[in-house]
PDB file of all heavy atoms in Angstrom:
ATOM      1  N   PHE A   1       8.938 -10.192   6.100  1.00  0.00           N
ATOM      2  CA  PHE A   1       8.458 -11.266   5.484  1.00  0.00           C
ATOM      3  C   PHE A   1       9.670 -12.042   4.970  1.00  0.00           C
ATOM      4  O   PHE A   1      10.210 -11.770   3.800  1.00  0.00           O
ATOM      5  CB  PHE A   1       7.603 -10.979   4.211  1.00  0.00           C
ATOM      6  CG  PHE A   1       6.270 -10.343   4.621  1.00  0.00           C
ATOM      7  CD1 PHE A   1       6.205  -8.947   4.377  1.00  0.00           C
ATOM      8  CD2 PHE A   1       5.229 -10.995   5.143  1.00  0.00           C
ATOM      9  CE1 PHE A   1       4.951  -8.290   4.737  1.00  0.00           C
ATOM     10  CE2 PHE A   1       4.058 -10.242   5.421  1.00  0.00           C
ATOM     11  CZ  PHE A   1       4.003  -8.988   5.243  1.00  0.00           C
ATOM     12  N   PRO A   2      10.220 -13.036   5.723  1.00  0.00           N
ATOM     13  CA  PRO A   2      11.496 -13.714   5.237  1.00  0.00           C
ATOM     14  C   PRO A   2      11.259 -14.462   3.842  1.00  0.00           C
ATOM     15  O   PRO A   2      12.173 -14.529   3.078  1.00  0.00           O
ATOM     16  CB  PRO A   2      11.777 -14.671   6.439  1.00  0.00           C
ATOM     17  CG  PRO A   2      10.921 -14.242   7.508  1.00  0.00           C
ATOM     18  CD  PRO A   2       9.782 -13.463   6.961  1.00  0.00           C
ATOM     19  N   ARG A   3      10.015 -14.923   3.593  1.00  0.00           N
ATOM     20  CA  ARG A   3       9.827 -15.680   2.308  1.00  0.00           C
ATOM     21  C   ARG A   3       9.523 -14.705   1.183  1.00  0.00           C
ATOM     22  O   ARG A   3       9.357 -15.086   0.100  1.00  0.00           O
ATOM     23  CB  ARG A   3       8.636 -16.533   2.459  1.00  0.00           C
ATOM     24  CG  ARG A   3       8.946 -17.790   3.536  1.00  0.00           C
ATOM     25  CD  ARG A   3       7.826 -18.573   3.641  1.00  0.00           C
ATOM     26  NE  ARG A   3       6.948 -17.790   4.382  1.00  0.00           N
ATOM     27  CZ  ARG A   3       5.623 -18.111   4.814  1.00  0.00           C
ATOM     28  NH1 ARG A   3       5.182 -19.227   4.345  1.00  0.00           N
ATOM     29  NH2 ARG A   3       4.933 -17.457   5.586  1.00  0.00           N
ATOM     30  N   GLY A   4       9.464 -13.376   1.459  1.00  0.00           N
ATOM     31  CA  GLY A   4       9.194 -12.368   0.496  1.00  0.00           C
ATOM     32  C   GLY A   4       7.635 -12.200   0.165  1.00  0.00           C
ATOM     33  O   GLY A   4       6.889 -13.068   0.315  1.00  0.00           O
ATOM     34  N   ARG A   5       7.379 -10.966  -0.119  1.00  0.00           N
ATOM     35  CA  ARG A   5       5.979 -10.602  -0.349  1.00  0.00           C
ATOM     36  C   ARG A   5       6.029  -9.280  -1.179  1.00  0.00           C
ATOM     37  O   ARG A   5       6.854  -8.471  -0.970  1.00  0.00           O
ATOM     38  CB  ARG A   5       5.220 -10.453   0.964  1.00  0.00           C
ATOM     39  CG  ARG A   5       3.747  -9.953   0.854  1.00  0.00           C
ATOM     40  CD  ARG A   5       2.896 -11.182   1.149  1.00  0.00           C
ATOM     41  NE  ARG A   5       1.575 -10.859   0.724  1.00  0.00           N
ATOM     42  CZ  ARG A   5       0.573 -10.884   1.665  1.00  0.00           C
ATOM     43  NH1 ARG A   5       0.640 -11.256   2.816  1.00  0.00           N
ATOM     44  NH2 ARG A   5      -0.736 -10.643   1.171  1.00  0.00           N
ATOM     45  N   HIS A   6       5.131  -9.150  -2.104  1.00  0.00           N
ATOM     46  CA  HIS A   6       5.160  -8.025  -2.911  1.00  0.00           C
ATOM     47  C   HIS A   6       4.052  -7.077  -2.390  1.00  0.00           C
ATOM     48  O   HIS A   6       2.827  -7.446  -2.281  1.00  0.00           O
ATOM     49  CB  HIS A   6       4.828  -8.290  -4.351  1.00  0.00           C
ATOM     50  CG  HIS A   6       4.855  -7.060  -5.246  1.00  0.00           C
ATOM     51  ND1 HIS A   6       6.073  -6.315  -5.429  1.00  0.00           N
ATOM     52  CD2 HIS A   6       3.852  -6.444  -5.897  1.00  0.00           C
ATOM     53  CE1 HIS A   6       5.736  -5.304  -6.264  1.00  0.00           C
ATOM     54  NE2 HIS A   6       4.413  -5.307  -6.523  1.00  0.00           N
ATOM     55  N   VAL A   7       4.371  -5.890  -2.027  1.00  0.00           N
ATOM     56  CA  VAL A   7       3.455  -4.732  -1.563  1.00  0.00           C
ATOM     57  C   VAL A   7       3.623  -3.609  -2.469  1.00  0.00           C
ATOM     58  O   VAL A   7       4.723  -3.110  -2.678  1.00  0.00           O
ATOM     59  CB  VAL A   7       3.710  -4.383  -0.036  1.00  0.00           C
ATOM     60  CG1 VAL A   7       2.896  -3.267   0.391  1.00  0.00           C
ATOM     61  CG2 VAL A   7       3.559  -5.568   0.765  1.00  0.00           C
ATOM     62  N   ARG A   8       2.510  -3.226  -3.153  1.00  0.00           N
ATOM     63  CA  ARG A   8       2.557  -2.197  -4.071  1.00  0.00           C
ATOM     64  C   ARG A   8       2.589  -0.778  -3.376  1.00  0.00           C
ATOM     65  O   ARG A   8       2.044  -0.711  -2.161  1.00  0.00           O
ATOM     66  CB  ARG A   8       1.458  -2.116  -5.001  1.00  0.00           C
ATOM     67  CG  ARG A   8       1.461  -3.254  -5.980  1.00  0.00           C
ATOM     68  CD  ARG A   8       0.295  -3.419  -6.838  1.00  0.00           C
ATOM     69  NE  ARG A   8       0.453  -4.395  -7.755  1.00  0.00           N
ATOM     70  CZ  ARG A   8      -0.033  -4.429  -9.041  1.00  0.00           C
ATOM     71  NH1 ARG A   8      -0.838  -3.422  -9.421  1.00  0.00           N
ATOM     72  NH2 ARG A   8       0.148  -5.448  -9.784  1.00  0.00           N
ATOM     73  N   LEU A   9       3.249   0.184  -3.796  1.00  0.00           N
ATOM     74  CA  LEU A   9       3.279   1.500  -3.115  1.00  0.00           C
ATOM     75  C   LEU A   9       2.771   2.503  -4.176  1.00  0.00           C
ATOM     76  O   LEU A   9       3.169   2.694  -5.221  1.00  0.00           O
ATOM     77  CB  LEU A   9       4.685   1.833  -2.824  1.00  0.00           C
ATOM     78  CG  LEU A   9       5.005   3.177  -2.106  1.00  0.00           C
ATOM     79  CD1 LEU A   9       4.275   3.146  -0.674  1.00  0.00           C
ATOM     80  CD2 LEU A   9       6.506   3.269  -1.822  1.00  0.00           C
ATOM     81  N   TYR A  10       1.725   3.321  -3.696  1.00  0.00           N
ATOM     82  CA  TYR A  10       1.143   4.316  -4.478  1.00  0.00           C
ATOM     83  C   TYR A  10       1.167   5.651  -3.779  1.00  0.00           C
ATOM     84  O   TYR A  10       1.258   5.761  -2.581  1.00  0.00           O
ATOM     85  CB  TYR A  10      -0.370   3.986  -4.617  1.00  0.00           C
ATOM     86  CG  TYR A  10      -0.690   2.711  -5.463  1.00  0.00           C
ATOM     87  CD1 TYR A  10      -0.935   1.507  -4.756  1.00  0.00           C
ATOM     88  CD2 TYR A  10      -0.713   2.703  -6.783  1.00  0.00           C
ATOM     89  CE1 TYR A  10      -1.349   0.377  -5.464  1.00  0.00           C
ATOM     90  CE2 TYR A  10      -1.019   1.564  -7.619  1.00  0.00           C
ATOM     91  CZ  TYR A  10      -1.257   0.380  -6.852  1.00  0.00           C
ATOM     92  OH  TYR A  10      -1.551  -0.693  -7.541  1.00  0.00           O
ATOM     93  N   VAL A  11       0.969   6.643  -4.594  1.00  0.00           N
ATOM     94  CA  VAL A  11       0.771   8.009  -4.219  1.00  0.00           C
ATOM     95  C   VAL A  11      -0.522   8.522  -4.738  1.00  0.00           C
ATOM     96  O   VAL A  11      -0.747   8.501  -5.992  1.00  0.00           O
ATOM     97  CB  VAL A  11       1.963   9.033  -4.673  1.00  0.00           C
ATOM     98  CG1 VAL A  11       1.736  10.415  -4.288  1.00  0.00           C
ATOM     99  CG2 VAL A  11       3.260   8.530  -4.082  1.00  0.00           C
ATOM    100  N   ALA A  12      -1.363   9.022  -3.926  1.00  0.00           N
ATOM    101  CA  ALA A  12      -2.735   9.598  -4.301  1.00  0.00           C
ATOM    102  C   ALA A  12      -2.881  10.997  -3.973  1.00  0.00           C
ATOM    103  O   ALA A  12      -2.711  11.360  -2.845  1.00  0.00           O
ATOM    104  CB  ALA A  12      -3.838   8.704  -3.672  1.00  0.00           C
ATOM    105  N   PRO A  13      -3.057  11.878  -4.953  1.00  0.00           N
ATOM    106  CA  PRO A  13      -3.189  13.325  -4.711  1.00  0.00           C
ATOM    107  C   PRO A  13      -4.201  13.770  -3.784  1.00  0.00           C
ATOM    108  O   PRO A  13      -4.006  14.712  -3.059  1.00  0.00           O
ATOM    109  CB  PRO A  13      -3.284  13.942  -6.102  1.00  0.00           C
ATOM    110  CG  PRO A  13      -3.806  12.801  -7.015  1.00  0.00           C
ATOM    111  CD  PRO A  13      -3.353  11.545  -6.355  1.00  0.00           C
ATOM    112  N   GLU A  14      -5.323  13.068  -3.642  1.00  0.00           N
ATOM    113  CA  GLU A  14      -6.487  13.436  -2.757  1.00  0.00           C
ATOM    114  C   GLU A  14      -6.389  12.824  -1.453  1.00  0.00           C
ATOM    115  O   GLU A  14      -7.129  13.158  -0.537  1.00  0.00           O
ATOM    116  CB  GLU A  14      -7.702  13.074  -3.417  1.00  0.00           C
ATOM    117  CG  GLU A  14      -7.980  13.822  -4.674  1.00  0.00           C
ATOM    118  CD  GLU A  14      -9.340  13.712  -5.269  1.00  0.00           C
ATOM    119  OE1 GLU A  14     -10.387  13.596  -4.451  1.00  0.00           O
ATOM    120  OE2 GLU A  14      -9.483  13.731  -6.537  1.00  0.00           O
ATOM    121  N   LEU A  15      -5.424  11.922  -1.114  1.00  0.00           N
ATOM    122  CA  LEU A  15      -5.245  11.395   0.141  1.00  0.00           C
ATOM    123  C   LEU A  15      -4.613  12.333   1.145  1.00  0.00           C
ATOM    124  O   LEU A  15      -3.744  13.053   0.879  1.00  0.00           O
ATOM    125  CB  LEU A  15      -4.451  10.086   0.049  1.00  0.00           C
ATOM    126  CG  LEU A  15      -4.549   9.038   0.957  1.00  0.00           C
ATOM    127  CD1 LEU A  15      -5.946   8.449   1.112  1.00  0.00           C
ATOM    128  CD2 LEU A  15      -3.585   7.805   0.659  1.00  0.00           C
ATOM    129  N   ARG A  16      -5.122  12.187   2.357  1.00  0.00           N
ATOM    130  CA  ARG A  16      -4.646  13.143   3.505  1.00  0.00           C
ATOM    131  C   ARG A  16      -3.709  12.347   4.410  1.00  0.00           C
ATOM    132  O   ARG A  16      -2.875  12.932   5.109  1.00  0.00           O
ATOM    133  CB  ARG A  16      -5.910  13.692   4.265  1.00  0.00           C
ATOM    134  CG  ARG A  16      -6.556  14.673   3.429  1.00  0.00           C
ATOM    135  CD  ARG A  16      -7.698  15.391   4.301  1.00  0.00           C
ATOM    136  NE  ARG A  16      -8.749  15.685   3.401  1.00  0.00           N
ATOM    137  CZ  ARG A  16     -10.017  15.249   3.635  1.00  0.00           C
ATOM    138  NH1 ARG A  16     -10.319  14.492   4.628  1.00  0.00           N
ATOM    139  NH2 ARG A  16     -11.013  15.522   2.729  1.00  0.00           N
ATOM    140  N   ALA A  17      -3.936  11.041   4.590  1.00  0.00           N
ATOM    141  CA  ALA A  17      -3.154  10.241   5.499  1.00  0.00           C
ATOM    142  C   ALA A  17      -2.825   8.905   4.789  1.00  0.00           C
ATOM    143  O   ALA A  17      -3.502   8.440   3.887  1.00  0.00           O
ATOM    144  CB  ALA A  17      -3.865  10.043   6.799  1.00  0.00           C
ATOM    145  N   PRO A  18      -1.667   8.321   5.151  1.00  0.00           N
ATOM    146  CA  PRO A  18      -1.384   6.841   4.587  1.00  0.00           C
ATOM    147  C   PRO A  18      -2.381   5.872   4.942  1.00  0.00           C
ATOM    148  O   PRO A  18      -2.933   5.982   5.920  1.00  0.00           O
ATOM    149  CB  PRO A  18      -0.007   6.610   5.187  1.00  0.00           C
ATOM    150  CG  PRO A  18       0.318   7.688   6.126  1.00  0.00           C
ATOM    151  CD  PRO A  18      -0.668   8.642   6.124  1.00  0.00           C
ATOM    152  N   VAL A  19      -2.526   4.930   3.992  1.00  0.00           N
ATOM    153  CA  VAL A  19      -3.584   3.909   4.240  1.00  0.00           C
ATOM    154  C   VAL A  19      -2.971   2.645   3.610  1.00  0.00           C
ATOM    155  O   VAL A  19      -2.220   2.657   2.583  1.00  0.00           O
ATOM    156  CB  VAL A  19      -4.867   4.300   3.607  1.00  0.00           C
ATOM    157  CG1 VAL A  19      -4.794   4.435   2.087  1.00  0.00           C
ATOM    158  CG2 VAL A  19      -5.881   3.301   3.892  1.00  0.00           C
ATOM    159  N   SER A  20      -3.277   1.542   4.202  1.00  0.00           N
ATOM    160  CA  SER A  20      -2.871   0.286   3.697  1.00  0.00           C
ATOM    161  C   SER A  20      -4.209  -0.510   3.357  1.00  0.00           C
ATOM    162  O   SER A  20      -5.120  -0.397   4.171  1.00  0.00           O
ATOM    163  CB  SER A  20      -2.043  -0.631   4.598  1.00  0.00           C
ATOM    164  OG  SER A  20      -2.739  -0.651   5.933  1.00  0.00           O
ATOM    165  N   PHE A  21      -4.221  -1.260   2.308  1.00  0.00           N
ATOM    166  CA  PHE A  21      -5.396  -2.000   1.932  1.00  0.00           C
ATOM    167  C   PHE A  21      -5.040  -3.152   1.065  1.00  0.00           C
ATOM    168  O   PHE A  21      -3.947  -3.347   0.577  1.00  0.00           O
ATOM    169  CB  PHE A  21      -6.377  -1.050   1.143  1.00  0.00           C
ATOM    170  CG  PHE A  21      -5.806  -0.391  -0.059  1.00  0.00           C
ATOM    171  CD1 PHE A  21      -5.759  -1.037  -1.381  1.00  0.00           C
ATOM    172  CD2 PHE A  21      -5.038   0.801  -0.048  1.00  0.00           C
ATOM    173  CE1 PHE A  21      -5.295  -0.427  -2.444  1.00  0.00           C
ATOM    174  CE2 PHE A  21      -4.408   1.367  -1.163  1.00  0.00           C
ATOM    175  CZ  PHE A  21      -4.584   0.662  -2.395  1.00  0.00           C
ATOM    176  N   GLY A  22      -6.063  -4.017   0.766  1.00  0.00           N
ATOM    177  CA  GLY A  22      -5.816  -5.121  -0.029  1.00  0.00           C
ATOM    178  C   GLY A  22      -5.693  -6.435   0.772  1.00  0.00           C
ATOM    179  O   GLY A  22      -4.956  -6.510   1.802  1.00  0.00           O
ATOM    180  N   PHE A  23      -6.418  -7.491   0.338  1.00  0.00           N
ATOM    181  CA  PHE A  23      -6.285  -8.733   1.007  1.00  0.00           C
ATOM    182  C   PHE A  23      -5.341  -9.695   0.125  1.00  0.00           C
ATOM    183  O   PHE A  23      -4.435 -10.299   0.679  1.00  0.00           O
ATOM    184  CB  PHE A  23      -7.567  -9.426   1.200  1.00  0.00           C
ATOM    185  CG  PHE A  23      -8.635  -8.553   1.712  1.00  0.00           C
ATOM    186  CD1 PHE A  23      -9.829  -8.359   1.003  1.00  0.00           C
ATOM    187  CD2 PHE A  23      -8.531  -7.809   2.877  1.00  0.00           C
ATOM    188  CE1 PHE A  23     -10.858  -7.544   1.551  1.00  0.00           C
ATOM    189  CE2 PHE A  23      -9.477  -7.132   3.492  1.00  0.00           C
ATOM    190  CZ  PHE A  23     -10.657  -6.853   2.655  1.00  0.00           C
ATOM    191  N   LEU A  24      -5.590  -9.755  -1.137  1.00  0.00           N
ATOM    192  CA  LEU A  24      -4.866 -10.559  -1.942  1.00  0.00           C
ATOM    193  C   LEU A  24      -3.646  -9.896  -2.603  1.00  0.00           C
ATOM    194  O   LEU A  24      -2.566 -10.550  -2.821  1.00  0.00           O
ATOM    195  CB  LEU A  24      -5.701 -11.196  -3.048  1.00  0.00           C
ATOM    196  CG  LEU A  24      -6.894 -11.992  -2.485  1.00  0.00           C
ATOM    197  CD1 LEU A  24      -7.742 -12.529  -3.711  1.00  0.00           C
ATOM    198  CD2 LEU A  24      -6.448 -13.299  -1.734  1.00  0.00           C
ATOM    199  N   ARG A  25      -3.834  -8.648  -2.903  1.00  0.00           N
ATOM    200  CA  ARG A  25      -2.762  -7.792  -3.468  1.00  0.00           C
ATOM    201  C   ARG A  25      -2.622  -6.644  -2.474  1.00  0.00           C
ATOM    202  O   ARG A  25      -3.156  -5.643  -2.803  1.00  0.00           O
ATOM    203  CB  ARG A  25      -3.094  -7.395  -4.918  1.00  0.00           C
ATOM    204  CG  ARG A  25      -3.176  -8.503  -5.797  1.00  0.00           C
ATOM    205  CD  ARG A  25      -3.367  -8.169  -7.307  1.00  0.00           C
ATOM    206  NE  ARG A  25      -3.755  -6.803  -7.484  1.00  0.00           N
ATOM    207  CZ  ARG A  25      -4.403  -6.382  -8.492  1.00  0.00           C
ATOM    208  NH1 ARG A  25      -4.870  -7.242  -9.355  1.00  0.00           N
ATOM    209  NH2 ARG A  25      -4.656  -5.030  -8.689  1.00  0.00           N
ATOM    210  N   PRO A  26      -1.707  -6.786  -1.552  1.00  0.00           N
ATOM    211  CA  PRO A  26      -1.616  -5.668  -0.512  1.00  0.00           C
ATOM    212  C   PRO A  26      -0.972  -4.509  -1.117  1.00  0.00           C
ATOM    213  O   PRO A  26      -0.108  -4.525  -1.970  1.00  0.00           O
ATOM    214  CB  PRO A  26      -0.794  -6.354   0.555  1.00  0.00           C
ATOM    215  CG  PRO A  26      -0.114  -7.368  -0.008  1.00  0.00           C
ATOM    216  CD  PRO A  26      -0.912  -7.964  -1.131  1.00  0.00           C
ATOM    217  N   ALA A  27      -1.260  -3.398  -0.643  1.00  0.00           N
ATOM    218  CA  ALA A  27      -0.809  -2.068  -1.153  1.00  0.00           C
ATOM    219  C   ALA A  27      -0.814  -1.079  -0.008  1.00  0.00           C
ATOM    220  O   ALA A  27      -1.567  -1.122   0.928  1.00  0.00           O
ATOM    221  CB  ALA A  27      -1.648  -1.607  -2.363  1.00  0.00           C
ATOM    222  N   ILE A  28       0.143  -0.016  -0.105  1.00  0.00           N
ATOM    223  CA  ILE A  28       0.181   1.017   0.793  1.00  0.00           C
ATOM    224  C   ILE A  28       0.118   2.278  -0.159  1.00  0.00           C
ATOM    225  O   ILE A  28       0.748   2.433  -1.150  1.00  0.00           O
ATOM    226  CB  ILE A  28       1.432   1.110   1.481  1.00  0.00           C
ATOM    227  CG1 ILE A  28       1.697  -0.183   2.460  1.00  0.00           C
ATOM    228  CG2 ILE A  28       1.617   2.378   2.221  1.00  0.00           C
ATOM    229  CD1 ILE A  28       2.888  -0.329   3.110  1.00  0.00           C
ATOM    230  N   CYS A  29      -0.795   3.204   0.185  1.00  0.00           N
ATOM    231  CA  CYS A  29      -0.928   4.470  -0.482  1.00  0.00           C
ATOM    232  C   CYS A  29      -0.637   5.577   0.476  1.00  0.00           C
ATOM    233  O   CYS A  29      -1.096   5.606   1.562  1.00  0.00           O
ATOM    234  CB  CYS A  29      -2.357   4.540  -0.975  1.00  0.00           C
ATOM    235  SG  CYS A  29      -2.570   5.787  -2.248  1.00  0.00           S
ATOM    236  N   VAL A  30       0.168   6.598  -0.034  1.00  0.00           N
ATOM    237  CA  VAL A  30       0.596   7.688   0.817  1.00  0.00           C
ATOM    238  C   VAL A  30       0.171   9.002   0.146  1.00  0.00           C
ATOM    239  O   VAL A  30       0.022   9.042  -1.186  1.00  0.00           O
ATOM    240  CB  VAL A  30       2.090   7.684   1.019  1.00  0.00           C
ATOM    241  CG1 VAL A  30       2.577   6.487   1.757  1.00  0.00           C
ATOM    242  CG2 VAL A  30       2.855   7.778  -0.255  1.00  0.00           C
ATOM    243  N   PRO A  31       0.021  10.015   0.865  1.00  0.00           N
ATOM    244  CA  PRO A  31      -0.322  11.350   0.317  1.00  0.00           C
ATOM    245  C   PRO A  31       1.010  11.980  -0.343  1.00  0.00           C
ATOM    246  O   PRO A  31       2.112  11.644   0.137  1.00  0.00           O
ATOM    247  CB  PRO A  31      -0.855  12.129   1.380  1.00  0.00           C
ATOM    248  CG  PRO A  31      -0.332  11.545   2.673  1.00  0.00           C
ATOM    249  CD  PRO A  31      -0.107   9.991   2.227  1.00  0.00           C
TER     250      PRO A  31
END
């Protein structure tokens, strides 16, 4: 994203595989 974009990064204890979600506030969550 040359113009910059904020993507939040989370860790979730019950998650088994990484997932990306969010339309307006994008986020990535990893186990």
